Structure formats: C-alpha cells, structure tokens
Amino acid sequence: MSEGGHEDRPVGGRPDRRPAGGLEASVLTALWAADGPLTPIAVRLALGTDLARTTVTTILTRLHAKGAVTRAHAGRGYVYTPAQDPPGLTARRMHAELNKDADRDTALARFVAGLGPQDRELLRTLLDEGRGGGAPRDGATIRT
C-alpha cells in the first residue's frame, strides 16, 4: 500500500498483469508440447490456469493472425497447431524485426557485430555451406 492507502500498482496496469507476450509464449509452449492439434479448452487445461476460454481463444486468434499457429475446423470451432518449431519462430521474429528497420544493412551489421565468437563462426559456416535453413552442426534436421 502507498502512503495514501491505495494499492501499489504498476503504472497503467494491474498488479497481476502478465508481461507483454507472456501469455502468447505460454500458449505456444502448450501447443509445442502437445501430441497433435488442440482446441482452446485443451490449451486452457494444458496451461493449468483459471483463464477464461474466451481469453485463450482470443490469444489463439491473435497467434493465427500473426502466422504463428495454423487452425482447422473441428466441429463448431477450431483446433490449433504451431506453424513452426521454436527455432523457426525465433528466425521468423528476427526477420520481421529486420524488415521493420529502414536501414536494414546497418541493423544487420550491428546484429552480427554483437555476436560472440562461436556464433560468428557458426554463421560463417552456415553461409559458406549454403545451409541457411538446413541442418545444425550436429546433423539433426531443422523443421521450417
């Protein structure tokens, strides 16, 4: 409580508010852990929270609009599946951020300059071998 007897709250928010994108990340994690497509109710159960079904449905709809999940009709609603694995989603986000910058060359140069020696060597190897989206060093395949 503050001096005036009011509950302390973050500026412009509720005290129990999740960080921006936290719920979307949790929903994606639940979908990645699933053996197949999930309904909003199944996602809600997988999250183990008391969120309303409509809240979960809204998050899934937003993720669908962003291209992060796919959906298919099932009965009167939809079932949802992640569009990509976690590394694929990270790569997609990196591309999206890079594409937002008017000075793409400088943004990319600064990103590369900020990489550590191991990451720079991996990037160099990937570029030299032409495997921009292929297998990582250990030979495992990447789903894109």
Protein backbone atom coordinates (compact mmCIF):
# COMPACT_ATOMS: atom_id res chain seq x y z
CA MET A 1 0.00 0.00 0.00
CA SER A 2 1.14 3.52 -0.72
CA GLU A 3 1.03 6.39 1.74
CA GLY A 4 -2.44 7.41 0.56
CA GLY A 5 -3.81 3.96 1.35
CA HIS A 6 -4.04 2.94 -2.30
CA GLU A 7 -2.80 -0.36 -3.57
CA ASP A 8 0.60 -0.10 -5.29
CA ARG A 9 0.22 -0.91 -8.98
CA PRO A 10 2.49 -0.71 -11.95
CA VAL A 11 1.90 2.44 -13.95
CA GLY A 12 -1.04 1.81 -16.27
CA GLY A 13 -1.61 -1.79 -15.21
CA ARG A 14 -2.94 -4.29 -12.76
CA PRO A 15 -0.62 -5.85 -10.18
CA ASP A 16 -1.29 -9.37 -11.52
CA ARG A 17 -0.76 -8.43 -15.17
CA ARG A 18 1.45 -10.75 -17.22
CA PRO A 19 4.40 -9.35 -19.16
CA ALA A 20 3.61 -8.45 -22.76
CA GLY A 21 3.68 -11.59 -24.87
CA GLY A 22 3.90 -13.87 -21.84
CA LEU A 23 0.53 -15.47 -22.42
CA GLU A 24 1.21 -15.96 -26.13
CA ALA A 25 4.51 -17.66 -25.25
CA SER A 26 2.74 -19.93 -22.74
CA VAL A 27 0.10 -20.89 -25.31
CA LEU A 28 2.79 -21.69 -27.91
CA THR A 29 4.67 -23.78 -25.34
CA ALA A 30 1.49 -25.76 -24.63
CA LEU A 31 0.93 -26.33 -28.35
CA TRP A 32 4.54 -27.45 -28.90
CA ALA A 33 4.23 -29.94 -26.03
CA ALA A 34 1.01 -31.45 -27.42
CA ASP A 35 0.88 -34.63 -29.49
CA GLY A 36 -1.46 -33.01 -32.00
CA PRO A 37 -3.85 -30.11 -32.61
CA LEU A 38 -5.59 -28.63 -29.55
CA THR A 39 -8.91 -26.89 -29.00
CA PRO A 40 -8.93 -23.69 -26.95
CA ILE A 41 -10.32 -25.69 -24.00
CA ALA A 42 -7.48 -28.22 -24.28
CA VAL A 43 -4.95 -25.36 -24.40
CA ARG A 44 -6.55 -23.85 -21.29
CA LEU A 45 -6.28 -27.18 -19.48
CA ALA A 46 -2.66 -27.60 -20.61
CA LEU A 47 -1.85 -24.15 -19.21
CA GLY A 48 -3.29 -25.15 -15.83
CA THR A 49 -4.67 -21.68 -15.22
CA ASP A 50 -8.05 -20.21 -14.45
CA LEU A 51 -8.08 -18.18 -17.67
CA ALA A 52 -11.42 -17.91 -19.40
CA ARG A 53 -11.86 -19.99 -22.54
CA THR A 54 -12.59 -16.76 -24.41
CA THR A 55 -9.23 -15.33 -23.33
CA VAL A 56 -7.41 -18.39 -24.64
CA THR A 57 -9.44 -18.24 -27.86
CA THR A 58 -8.50 -14.57 -28.31
CA ILE A 59 -4.80 -15.36 -27.86
CA LEU A 60 -5.05 -18.24 -30.36
CA THR A 61 -6.84 -15.97 -32.84
CA ARG A 62 -4.08 -13.37 -32.50
CA LEU A 63 -1.38 -16.00 -32.93
CA HIS A 64 -3.19 -17.23 -36.05
CA ALA A 65 -3.32 -13.68 -37.44
CA LYS A 66 0.46 -13.39 -36.85
CA GLY A 67 1.08 -16.69 -38.64
CA ALA A 68 2.43 -18.37 -35.51
CA VAL A 69 -0.28 -21.08 -35.47
CA THR A 70 -2.46 -22.79 -38.03
CA ARG A 71 -6.04 -23.80 -37.43
CA ALA A 72 -8.52 -26.27 -38.87
CA HIS A 73 -12.26 -26.60 -38.42
CA ALA A 74 -13.29 -29.18 -35.86
CA GLY A 75 -16.99 -29.31 -35.08
CA ARG A 76 -18.24 -25.80 -34.40
CA GLY A 77 -14.80 -24.44 -33.58
CA TYR A 78 -11.14 -24.81 -34.44
CA VAL A 79 -8.15 -26.86 -33.41
CA TYR A 80 -4.74 -25.18 -33.39
CA THR A 81 -1.23 -26.34 -34.25
CA PRO A 82 2.05 -24.38 -34.10
CA ALA A 83 3.09 -23.22 -37.56
CA GLN A 84 6.78 -23.71 -36.76
CA ASP A 85 9.05 -25.20 -34.14
CA PRO A 86 10.63 -22.80 -31.58
CA PRO A 87 13.80 -22.10 -33.63
CA GLY A 88 11.68 -21.46 -36.72
CA LEU A 89 9.55 -18.97 -34.82
CA THR A 90 12.65 -17.21 -33.48
CA ALA A 91 14.04 -16.93 -37.02
CA ARG A 92 10.70 -15.57 -38.24
CA ARG A 93 10.71 -12.92 -35.49
CA MET A 94 14.29 -11.94 -36.32
CA HIS A 95 13.32 -11.48 -39.98
CA ALA A 96 10.26 -9.44 -39.00
CA GLU A 97 12.34 -7.10 -36.83
CA LEU A 98 14.98 -6.72 -39.53
CA ASN A 99 12.32 -5.93 -42.12
CA LYS A 100 10.89 -3.14 -39.93
CA ASP A 101 14.12 -1.14 -39.97
CA ALA A 102 14.56 1.44 -42.72
CA ASP A 103 18.34 0.93 -42.56
CA ARG A 104 18.35 -2.85 -42.88
CA ASP A 105 22.07 -3.06 -43.76
CA THR A 106 23.16 -1.23 -40.62
CA ALA A 107 20.76 -3.19 -38.42
CA LEU A 108 22.09 -6.49 -39.76
CA ALA A 109 25.70 -5.32 -39.44
CA ARG A 110 25.14 -4.34 -35.81
CA PHE A 111 23.45 -7.65 -35.09
CA VAL A 112 26.42 -9.57 -36.50
CA ALA A 113 28.88 -7.29 -34.64
CA GLY A 114 27.13 -8.21 -31.40
CA LEU A 115 27.56 -11.95 -31.91
CA GLY A 116 30.09 -13.85 -29.86
CA PRO A 117 32.98 -15.75 -31.48
CA GLN A 118 31.15 -19.10 -31.55
CA ASP A 119 28.02 -17.62 -33.12
CA ARG A 120 30.10 -15.72 -35.68
CA GLU A 121 31.89 -18.95 -36.62
CA LEU A 122 28.57 -20.82 -36.90
CA LEU A 123 27.13 -18.06 -39.09
CA ARG A 124 30.25 -18.11 -41.28
CA THR A 125 29.99 -21.92 -41.63
CA LEU A 126 26.28 -21.79 -42.47
CA LEU A 127 26.85 -19.13 -45.11
CA ASP A 128 29.87 -20.94 -46.60
CA GLU A 129 27.99 -24.23 -46.82
CA GLY A 130 24.82 -22.61 -48.12
CA ARG A 131 22.78 -24.13 -45.31
CA GLY A 132 20.91 -21.04 -44.23
CA GLY A 133 17.96 -23.17 -43.13
CA GLY A 134 19.48 -26.64 -43.16
CA ALA A 135 20.85 -28.93 -40.56
CA PRO A 136 22.68 -27.64 -37.50
CA ARG A 137 26.26 -28.75 -36.79
CA ASP A 138 25.27 -31.97 -35.00
CA GLY A 139 23.50 -33.21 -38.15
CA ALA A 140 19.97 -33.05 -36.74
CA THR A 141 17.43 -31.63 -39.14
CA ILE A 142 15.60 -28.37 -38.61
CA ARG A 143 11.87 -28.18 -39.26
CA THR A 144 10.96 -24.96 -41.03
